[in-house]
Structure formats: C-alpha cells, structure tokens
Amino acid sequence: MNTTMIRTLRRRVTATDREAGSVTVFVAITVLGILILCGLVVDGGAKLRAVQHADRVATEAARAAGQAADPAALAGGEARVDRQAAADAATAFLAAAQATGSATISADGTAVEVTVTTTAPTVFLGLIGVSTFTVTGHGRATLVHGVTGGGT
C-alpha cells in the first residue's frame, strides 16, 4: 500500500469514530420520552377509571339512601327522607362497596348527596415513587313523590 492510500483510510476511520455513539444518545432520549408518554396514558386512564368508579359508588349510595323515605311525611303527601335511615343506608352501601365517604341530607330532606374517596394503584408512576393516587366521587339522589313528567 502506498502512503496516500493509508492516509485516506486513516481519515475515514477518524471521521467515523468522532460520530460513534451519537445515534445511541438520540435513541435513549427518544425511548425515554416514549416510555413517559406511555406512562401518562396508562396511569391517566387508570385515574379516569378510578374517578368513574368513585362516582358510580357515590351515586348508588345516594340512591340507596334516597329510598329511606319518611313514612310520616309520605302519609301527609310530602316526599322526605328519614335522615337517620338514609345515613345508615348510605353507610351500609359504602361499607359493602369497601369505600369511604360521607352522606349529607339537604335541609328540606328531599335530596341526599354522597361523597366517596378512594385510592387506586399506579403502574408507571410507581417507578418514580408515586404508588397510588386518591380520587373523589360525588353522587346525588333527589326524592320524588308522584309522577313528574308525562310520556307520549
């Protein structure tokens, strides 16, 4: 081999070596970004499902509490809930659903509002130390006496 050929080969090797590993850094950053995005999608979806579940439990507990009508009020033509029976019904439903929450009866006794607080586990956020998140659900039931709307 002549010296010109050796210099040309040496330049090619040196130019290639200077850029070695630059694609690896780009790939590592891109993969990390994709993993973070997947984590947000998975854990965000899990949080939405947990909120929907808390809302469903709260609504059903309010419905159960709303069915505790005060018989004395019904005899007089009024629709009111029995406050103690309503609170007991909501508490019993929440206990059966393994949820924590509270029930509030409106001042006029015609509506029950239930608030449920629950926790749900995370998938990807657990990698950075967030193992669970807490969500709150709300439900309301209004006691209606008689027919309120007509059908065709």
N, C-alpha and C. Protein backbone atom coordinates (compact mmCIF):
# COMPACT_ATOMS: atom_id res chain seq x y z
N MET A 1 0.83 -1.18 0.00
CA MET A 1 0.00 0.00 0.00
C MET A 1 0.88 1.24 0.00
N ASN A 2 0.40 2.19 -0.71
CA ASN A 2 1.17 3.42 -0.73
C ASN A 2 0.69 4.34 0.39
N THR A 3 1.45 5.39 0.65
CA THR A 3 1.15 6.28 1.77
C THR A 3 -0.12 7.10 1.55
N THR A 4 -0.45 7.41 0.33
CA THR A 4 -1.67 8.17 0.05
C THR A 4 -2.90 7.34 0.43
N MET A 5 -2.86 6.09 0.12
CA MET A 5 -3.97 5.20 0.43
C MET A 5 -4.12 5.03 1.95
N ILE A 6 -3.03 4.93 2.66
CA ILE A 6 -3.06 4.77 4.12
C ILE A 6 -3.63 6.04 4.75
N ARG A 7 -3.25 7.22 4.27
CA ARG A 7 -3.79 8.48 4.80
C ARG A 7 -5.29 8.56 4.58
N THR A 8 -5.75 8.15 3.41
CA THR A 8 -7.18 8.18 3.10
C THR A 8 -7.95 7.26 4.04
N LEU A 9 -7.45 6.05 4.27
CA LEU A 9 -8.10 5.12 5.18
C LEU A 9 -8.11 5.65 6.60
N ARG A 10 -7.01 6.27 7.02
CA ARG A 10 -6.92 6.81 8.37
C ARG A 10 -7.93 7.95 8.56
N ARG A 11 -8.12 8.80 7.54
CA ARG A 11 -9.10 9.88 7.63
C ARG A 11 -10.51 9.32 7.76
N ARG A 12 -10.82 8.29 7.00
CA ARG A 12 -12.16 7.69 7.06
C ARG A 12 -12.44 7.12 8.44
N VAL A 13 -11.50 6.43 8.99
CA VAL A 13 -11.68 5.83 10.31
C VAL A 13 -11.81 6.91 11.36
N THR A 14 -11.00 7.94 11.30
CA THR A 14 -11.05 9.02 12.28
C THR A 14 -12.36 9.79 12.18
N ALA A 15 -12.84 10.10 10.98
CA ALA A 15 -14.10 10.82 10.82
C ALA A 15 -15.27 9.99 11.32
N THR A 16 -15.25 8.71 11.10
CA THR A 16 -16.32 7.83 11.56
C THR A 16 -16.29 7.69 13.08
N ASP A 17 -15.12 7.59 13.66
CA ASP A 17 -15.01 7.42 15.11
C ASP A 17 -15.52 8.65 15.88
N ARG A 18 -15.39 9.84 15.34
CA ARG A 18 -15.85 11.03 16.03
C ARG A 18 -17.36 11.04 16.19
N GLU A 19 -18.10 10.42 15.31
CA GLU A 19 -19.56 10.41 15.37
C GLU A 19 -20.11 9.13 16.01
N ALA A 20 -19.26 8.26 16.44
CA ALA A 20 -19.71 7.00 17.04
C ALA A 20 -20.44 7.28 18.35
N GLY A 21 -21.63 6.68 18.50
CA GLY A 21 -22.42 6.84 19.72
C GLY A 21 -23.41 7.97 19.69
N SER A 22 -23.39 8.82 18.69
CA SER A 22 -24.32 9.95 18.64
C SER A 22 -25.75 9.48 18.41
N VAL A 23 -25.94 8.43 17.67
CA VAL A 23 -27.28 7.89 17.45
C VAL A 23 -27.78 7.22 18.73
N THR A 24 -26.92 6.63 19.50
CA THR A 24 -27.30 5.96 20.74
C THR A 24 -27.92 6.94 21.73
N VAL A 25 -27.36 8.12 21.87
CA VAL A 25 -27.91 9.13 22.76
C VAL A 25 -29.30 9.55 22.29
N PHE A 26 -29.45 9.76 21.00
CA PHE A 26 -30.75 10.14 20.43
C PHE A 26 -31.79 9.05 20.70
N VAL A 27 -31.43 7.81 20.48
CA VAL A 27 -32.36 6.69 20.71
C VAL A 27 -32.72 6.60 22.18
N ALA A 28 -31.76 6.76 23.07
CA ALA A 28 -32.03 6.68 24.51
C ALA A 28 -33.00 7.76 24.94
N ILE A 29 -32.81 8.98 24.47
CA ILE A 29 -33.71 10.08 24.83
C ILE A 29 -35.10 9.85 24.24
N THR A 30 -35.18 9.38 23.02
CA THR A 30 -36.46 9.12 22.37
C THR A 30 -37.22 8.00 23.08
N VAL A 31 -36.54 6.93 23.42
CA VAL A 31 -37.19 5.82 24.13
C VAL A 31 -37.68 6.27 25.50
N LEU A 32 -36.89 7.08 26.19
CA LEU A 32 -37.32 7.61 27.49
C LEU A 32 -38.58 8.46 27.33
N GLY A 33 -38.62 9.29 26.31
CA GLY A 33 -39.80 10.10 26.05
C GLY A 33 -41.03 9.25 25.74
N ILE A 34 -40.86 8.21 24.98
CA ILE A 34 -41.97 7.32 24.65
C ILE A 34 -42.46 6.59 25.89
N LEU A 35 -41.55 6.14 26.75
CA LEU A 35 -41.95 5.49 28.00
C LEU A 35 -42.72 6.44 28.91
N ILE A 36 -42.29 7.68 28.99
CA ILE A 36 -43.00 8.68 29.80
C ILE A 36 -44.39 8.91 29.24
N LEU A 37 -44.50 9.02 27.93
CA LEU A 37 -45.80 9.21 27.29
C LEU A 37 -46.72 8.01 27.53
N CYS A 38 -46.19 6.81 27.41
CA CYS A 38 -46.98 5.60 27.70
C CYS A 38 -47.43 5.58 29.15
N GLY A 39 -46.56 5.97 30.05
CA GLY A 39 -46.90 6.02 31.47
C GLY A 39 -48.03 6.99 31.75
N LEU A 40 -47.98 8.15 31.10
CA LEU A 40 -49.06 9.13 31.28
C LEU A 40 -50.38 8.59 30.74
N VAL A 41 -50.33 7.91 29.62
CA VAL A 41 -51.56 7.37 29.04
C VAL A 41 -52.12 6.26 29.94
N VAL A 42 -51.29 5.34 30.35
CA VAL A 42 -51.76 4.21 31.17
C VAL A 42 -52.26 4.70 32.53
N ASP A 43 -51.46 5.49 33.23
CA ASP A 43 -51.86 5.95 34.56
C ASP A 43 -52.97 7.00 34.49
N GLY A 44 -53.00 7.79 33.43
CA GLY A 44 -54.11 8.73 33.25
C GLY A 44 -55.42 7.99 33.04
N GLY A 45 -55.38 6.92 32.24
CA GLY A 45 -56.57 6.11 32.04
C GLY A 45 -57.01 5.42 33.32
N ALA A 46 -56.05 4.97 34.11
CA ALA A 46 -56.38 4.33 35.39
C ALA A 46 -57.03 5.33 36.33
N LYS A 47 -56.57 6.57 36.30
CA LYS A 47 -57.17 7.60 37.16
C LYS A 47 -58.59 7.90 36.71
N LEU A 48 -58.81 7.99 35.41
CA LEU A 48 -60.18 8.22 34.91
C LEU A 48 -61.11 7.09 35.31
N ARG A 49 -60.65 5.85 35.20
CA ARG A 49 -61.48 4.72 35.62
C ARG A 49 -61.76 4.77 37.12
N ALA A 50 -60.79 5.17 37.92
CA ALA A 50 -60.99 5.27 39.37
C ALA A 50 -62.01 6.35 39.71
N VAL A 51 -61.96 7.47 39.00
CA VAL A 51 -62.95 8.54 39.23
C VAL A 51 -64.34 8.08 38.83
N GLN A 52 -64.45 7.38 37.71
CA GLN A 52 -65.75 6.86 37.29
C GLN A 52 -66.29 5.86 38.30
N HIS A 53 -65.42 5.01 38.82
CA HIS A 53 -65.85 4.03 39.83
C HIS A 53 -66.32 4.75 41.09
N ALA A 54 -65.58 5.75 41.54
CA ALA A 54 -65.97 6.51 42.74
C ALA A 54 -67.31 7.21 42.52
N ASP A 55 -67.52 7.77 41.33
CA ASP A 55 -68.80 8.41 41.02
C ASP A 55 -69.94 7.40 41.03
N ARG A 56 -69.71 6.22 40.46
CA ARG A 56 -70.75 5.18 40.45
C ARG A 56 -71.10 4.74 41.86
N VAL A 57 -70.09 4.52 42.69
CA VAL A 57 -70.35 4.09 44.07
C VAL A 57 -71.10 5.19 44.82
N ALA A 58 -70.70 6.43 44.65
CA ALA A 58 -71.37 7.54 45.34
C ALA A 58 -72.82 7.68 44.87
N THR A 59 -73.06 7.53 43.58
CA THR A 59 -74.43 7.63 43.06
C THR A 59 -75.31 6.50 43.58
N GLU A 60 -74.77 5.30 43.62
CA GLU A 60 -75.56 4.17 44.13
C GLU A 60 -75.80 4.29 45.63
N ALA A 61 -74.84 4.80 46.37
CA ALA A 61 -75.04 5.02 47.81
C ALA A 61 -76.10 6.09 48.04
N ALA A 62 -76.10 7.12 47.21
CA ALA A 62 -77.13 8.17 47.32
C ALA A 62 -78.49 7.60 46.97
N ARG A 63 -78.55 6.75 45.97
CA ARG A 63 -79.82 6.11 45.61
C ARG A 63 -80.34 5.25 46.75
N ALA A 64 -79.44 4.47 47.36
CA ALA A 64 -79.83 3.63 48.49
C ALA A 64 -80.33 4.49 49.65
N ALA A 65 -79.66 5.59 49.90
CA ALA A 65 -80.08 6.49 50.98
C ALA A 65 -81.40 7.18 50.65
N GLY A 66 -81.58 7.51 49.39
CA GLY A 66 -82.81 8.19 48.98
C GLY A 66 -84.05 7.32 49.09
N GLN A 67 -83.86 6.02 49.15
CA GLN A 67 -85.01 5.13 49.27
C GLN A 67 -85.49 4.99 50.70
N ALA A 68 -84.80 5.63 51.62
CA ALA A 68 -85.21 5.60 53.02
C ALA A 68 -86.22 6.72 53.25
N ALA A 69 -87.41 6.58 52.68
CA ALA A 69 -88.44 7.62 52.78
C ALA A 69 -89.02 7.65 54.18
N ASP A 70 -89.39 8.85 54.62
CA ASP A 70 -90.03 9.03 55.91
C ASP A 70 -91.51 8.70 55.76
N PRO A 71 -91.99 7.60 56.37
CA PRO A 71 -93.38 7.20 56.19
C PRO A 71 -94.38 8.26 56.66
N ALA A 72 -94.05 8.99 57.71
CA ALA A 72 -94.96 10.01 58.22
C ALA A 72 -95.12 11.13 57.20
N ALA A 73 -94.03 11.47 56.52
CA ALA A 73 -94.10 12.53 55.51
C ALA A 73 -94.90 12.07 54.30
N LEU A 74 -94.72 10.81 53.90
CA LEU A 74 -95.46 10.29 52.74
C LEU A 74 -96.96 10.28 53.00
N ALA A 75 -97.36 10.01 54.23
CA ALA A 75 -98.79 9.99 54.56
C ALA A 75 -99.39 11.38 54.40
N GLY A 76 -98.60 12.40 54.64
CA GLY A 76 -99.08 13.77 54.51
C GLY A 76 -98.92 14.32 53.11
N GLY A 77 -98.44 13.52 52.16
CA GLY A 77 -98.29 13.97 50.78
C GLY A 77 -96.93 14.57 50.47
N GLU A 78 -96.05 14.66 51.44
CA GLU A 78 -94.72 15.20 51.22
C GLU A 78 -93.75 14.07 50.91
N ALA A 79 -92.67 14.40 50.25
CA ALA A 79 -91.61 13.41 49.99
C ALA A 79 -90.36 13.88 50.72
N ARG A 80 -90.02 13.18 51.79
CA ARG A 80 -88.84 13.49 52.60
C ARG A 80 -88.16 12.19 52.97
N VAL A 81 -86.85 12.25 53.16
CA VAL A 81 -86.14 11.06 53.61
C VAL A 81 -86.05 11.07 55.13
N ASP A 82 -86.03 9.89 55.68
CA ASP A 82 -85.76 9.71 57.11
C ASP A 82 -84.26 9.88 57.27
N ARG A 83 -83.84 10.93 57.93
CA ARG A 83 -82.42 11.29 57.99
C ARG A 83 -81.54 10.16 58.53
N GLN A 84 -81.93 9.57 59.62
CA GLN A 84 -81.10 8.52 60.22
C GLN A 84 -81.08 7.27 59.33
N ALA A 85 -82.24 6.89 58.80
CA ALA A 85 -82.29 5.71 57.94
C ALA A 85 -81.49 5.94 56.65
N ALA A 86 -81.54 7.16 56.14
CA ALA A 86 -80.79 7.48 54.91
C ALA A 86 -79.29 7.41 55.17
N ALA A 87 -78.85 7.99 56.28
CA ALA A 87 -77.42 7.96 56.61
C ALA A 87 -76.96 6.52 56.83
N ASP A 88 -77.80 5.72 57.50
CA ASP A 88 -77.46 4.31 57.73
C ASP A 88 -77.38 3.54 56.41
N ALA A 89 -78.33 3.80 55.50
CA ALA A 89 -78.34 3.10 54.20
C ALA A 89 -77.11 3.46 53.38
N ALA A 90 -76.74 4.73 53.36
CA ALA A 90 -75.56 5.16 52.60
C ALA A 90 -74.30 4.55 53.21
N THR A 91 -74.19 4.56 54.52
CA THR A 91 -73.02 3.99 55.19
C THR A 91 -72.92 2.49 54.93
N ALA A 92 -74.06 1.80 54.98
CA ALA A 92 -74.06 0.36 54.72
C ALA A 92 -73.63 0.06 53.29
N PHE A 93 -74.12 0.86 52.33
CA PHE A 93 -73.74 0.64 50.94
C PHE A 93 -72.25 0.88 50.75
N LEU A 94 -71.73 1.96 51.34
CA LEU A 94 -70.30 2.26 51.21
C LEU A 94 -69.45 1.17 51.84
N ALA A 95 -69.90 0.63 52.97
CA ALA A 95 -69.15 -0.46 53.62
C ALA A 95 -69.15 -1.70 52.73
N ALA A 96 -70.30 -2.00 52.11
CA ALA A 96 -70.38 -3.17 51.23
C ALA A 96 -69.50 -2.98 49.99
N ALA A 97 -69.36 -1.75 49.53
CA ALA A 97 -68.53 -1.46 48.36
C ALA A 97 -67.06 -1.24 48.73
N GLN A 98 -66.74 -1.35 50.00
CA GLN A 98 -65.38 -1.14 50.51
C GLN A 98 -64.85 0.23 50.14
N ALA A 99 -65.71 1.24 50.35
CA ALA A 99 -65.33 2.62 50.04
C ALA A 99 -65.55 3.48 51.28
N THR A 100 -64.83 4.58 51.35
CA THR A 100 -65.04 5.52 52.45
C THR A 100 -65.70 6.77 51.90
N GLY A 101 -66.59 7.34 52.68
CA GLY A 101 -67.28 8.53 52.22
C GLY A 101 -68.24 9.06 53.26
N SER A 102 -69.02 10.03 52.84
CA SER A 102 -69.99 10.64 53.75
C SER A 102 -71.26 10.98 52.98
N ALA A 103 -72.36 10.99 53.72
CA ALA A 103 -73.66 11.33 53.14
C ALA A 103 -74.19 12.58 53.82
N THR A 104 -74.77 13.46 53.02
CA THR A 104 -75.36 14.69 53.53
C THR A 104 -76.79 14.78 53.02
N ILE A 105 -77.72 15.03 53.92
CA ILE A 105 -79.12 15.19 53.54
C ILE A 105 -79.42 16.68 53.48
N SER A 106 -80.14 17.10 52.44
CA SER A 106 -80.44 18.52 52.28
C SER A 106 -81.31 19.02 53.44
N ALA A 107 -81.34 20.33 53.61
CA ALA A 107 -82.08 20.92 54.73
C ALA A 107 -83.56 20.59 54.68
N ASP A 108 -84.14 20.51 53.48
CA ASP A 108 -85.57 20.19 53.39
C ASP A 108 -85.83 18.69 53.35
N GLY A 109 -84.78 17.88 53.37
CA GLY A 109 -84.92 16.43 53.43
C GLY A 109 -85.34 15.78 52.14
N THR A 110 -85.18 16.45 51.00
CA THR A 110 -85.61 15.87 49.73
C THR A 110 -84.46 15.41 48.85
N ALA A 111 -83.23 15.58 49.30
CA ALA A 111 -82.09 15.17 48.48
C ALA A 111 -80.98 14.62 49.37
N VAL A 112 -80.22 13.69 48.82
CA VAL A 112 -79.08 13.10 49.52
C VAL A 112 -77.87 13.25 48.63
N GLU A 113 -76.79 13.76 49.19
CA GLU A 113 -75.52 13.87 48.46
C GLU A 113 -74.49 12.99 49.15
N VAL A 114 -73.77 12.22 48.35
CA VAL A 114 -72.75 11.32 48.89
C VAL A 114 -71.42 11.65 48.23
N THR A 115 -70.38 11.72 49.04
CA THR A 115 -69.02 11.93 48.55
C THR A 115 -68.20 10.71 48.92
N VAL A 116 -67.49 10.15 47.94
CA VAL A 116 -66.67 8.96 48.15
C VAL A 116 -65.22 9.29 47.83
N THR A 117 -64.32 8.83 48.69
CA THR A 117 -62.89 8.99 48.46
C THR A 117 -62.28 7.60 48.39
N THR A 118 -61.51 7.37 47.35
CA THR A 118 -60.89 6.05 47.18
C THR A 118 -59.49 6.22 46.59
N THR A 119 -58.68 5.19 46.71
CA THR A 119 -57.34 5.21 46.15
C THR A 119 -57.23 4.11 45.10
N ALA A 120 -56.33 4.33 44.17
CA ALA A 120 -56.09 3.34 43.11
C ALA A 120 -54.58 3.25 42.87
N PRO A 121 -54.10 2.06 42.53
CA PRO A 121 -52.66 1.90 42.31
C PRO A 121 -52.24 2.45 40.94
N THR A 122 -50.99 2.84 40.85
CA THR A 122 -50.43 3.29 39.57
C THR A 122 -49.58 2.18 38.97
N VAL A 123 -49.25 2.34 37.69
CA VAL A 123 -48.41 1.36 37.01
C VAL A 123 -47.03 1.97 36.77
N PHE A 124 -46.98 2.98 35.95
CA PHE A 124 -45.69 3.58 35.59
C PHE A 124 -45.23 4.61 36.61
N LEU A 125 -46.15 5.33 37.23
CA LEU A 125 -45.75 6.34 38.20
C LEU A 125 -45.10 5.71 39.43
N GLY A 126 -45.32 4.42 39.64
CA GLY A 126 -44.66 3.72 40.73
C GLY A 126 -43.14 3.71 40.56
N LEU A 127 -42.68 3.85 39.33
CA LEU A 127 -41.24 3.88 39.07
C LEU A 127 -40.58 5.13 39.63
N ILE A 128 -41.36 6.20 39.81
CA ILE A 128 -40.79 7.44 40.36
C ILE A 128 -41.29 7.70 41.78
N GLY A 129 -41.89 6.67 42.41
CA GLY A 129 -42.26 6.79 43.82
C GLY A 129 -43.73 7.09 44.09
N VAL A 130 -44.55 7.25 43.06
CA VAL A 130 -45.97 7.50 43.26
C VAL A 130 -46.69 6.17 43.07
N SER A 131 -47.01 5.49 44.17
CA SER A 131 -47.58 4.15 44.06
C SER A 131 -49.11 4.15 43.99
N THR A 132 -49.76 5.17 44.51
CA THR A 132 -51.23 5.27 44.45
C THR A 132 -51.63 6.72 44.23
N PHE A 133 -52.86 6.90 43.80
CA PHE A 133 -53.44 8.24 43.76
C PHE A 133 -54.83 8.19 44.36
N THR A 134 -55.27 9.30 44.92
CA THR A 134 -56.56 9.39 45.59
C THR A 134 -57.52 10.17 44.71
N VAL A 135 -58.74 9.63 44.57
CA VAL A 135 -59.77 10.29 43.77
C VAL A 135 -61.03 10.44 44.61
N THR A 136 -61.87 11.38 44.20
CA THR A 136 -63.12 11.65 44.89
C THR A 136 -64.27 11.56 43.90
N GLY A 137 -65.35 10.93 44.34
CA GLY A 137 -66.55 10.82 43.51
C GLY A 137 -67.74 11.43 44.23
N HIS A 138 -68.69 11.92 43.46
CA HIS A 138 -69.87 12.57 44.02
C HIS A 138 -71.13 11.96 43.42
N GLY A 139 -72.16 11.83 44.24
CA GLY A 139 -73.44 11.34 43.75
C GLY A 139 -74.57 12.07 44.46
N ARG A 140 -75.68 12.21 43.77
CA ARG A 140 -76.83 12.92 44.35
C ARG A 140 -78.10 12.19 43.95
N ALA A 141 -78.99 12.05 44.90
CA ALA A 141 -80.31 11.47 44.63
C ALA A 141 -81.35 12.42 45.20
N THR A 142 -82.36 12.69 44.41
CA THR A 142 -83.46 13.56 44.82
C THR A 142 -84.71 12.71 44.98
N LEU A 143 -85.37 12.86 46.10
CA LEU A 143 -86.58 12.10 46.38
C LEU A 143 -87.73 12.76 45.65
N VAL A 144 -88.40 11.97 44.81
CA VAL A 144 -89.52 12.47 44.02
C VAL A 144 -90.77 11.69 44.41
N HIS A 145 -91.85 12.39 44.63
CA HIS A 145 -93.10 11.77 45.02
C HIS A 145 -94.12 11.98 43.91
N GLY A 146 -94.59 10.91 43.35
CA GLY A 146 -95.59 11.01 42.28
C GLY A 146 -94.95 11.06 40.90
N VAL A 147 -95.75 11.37 39.92
CA VAL A 147 -95.31 11.44 38.54
C VAL A 147 -94.87 12.87 38.26
N THR A 148 -93.67 13.00 37.69
CA THR A 148 -93.14 14.34 37.44
C THR A 148 -93.17 14.73 35.96
N GLY A 149 -93.33 13.79 35.09
CA GLY A 149 -93.33 14.13 33.66
C GLY A 149 -94.22 13.15 32.92
N GLY A 150 -94.80 13.59 31.86
CA GLY A 150 -95.67 12.71 31.10
C GLY A 150 -94.98 12.13 29.89
N GLY A 151 -95.45 10.99 29.49
CA GLY A 151 -94.93 10.36 28.29
C GLY A 151 -95.94 10.50 27.16
N THR A 152 -95.53 10.16 25.97
CA THR A 152 -96.46 10.28 24.84
C THR A 152 -97.12 8.99 24.54
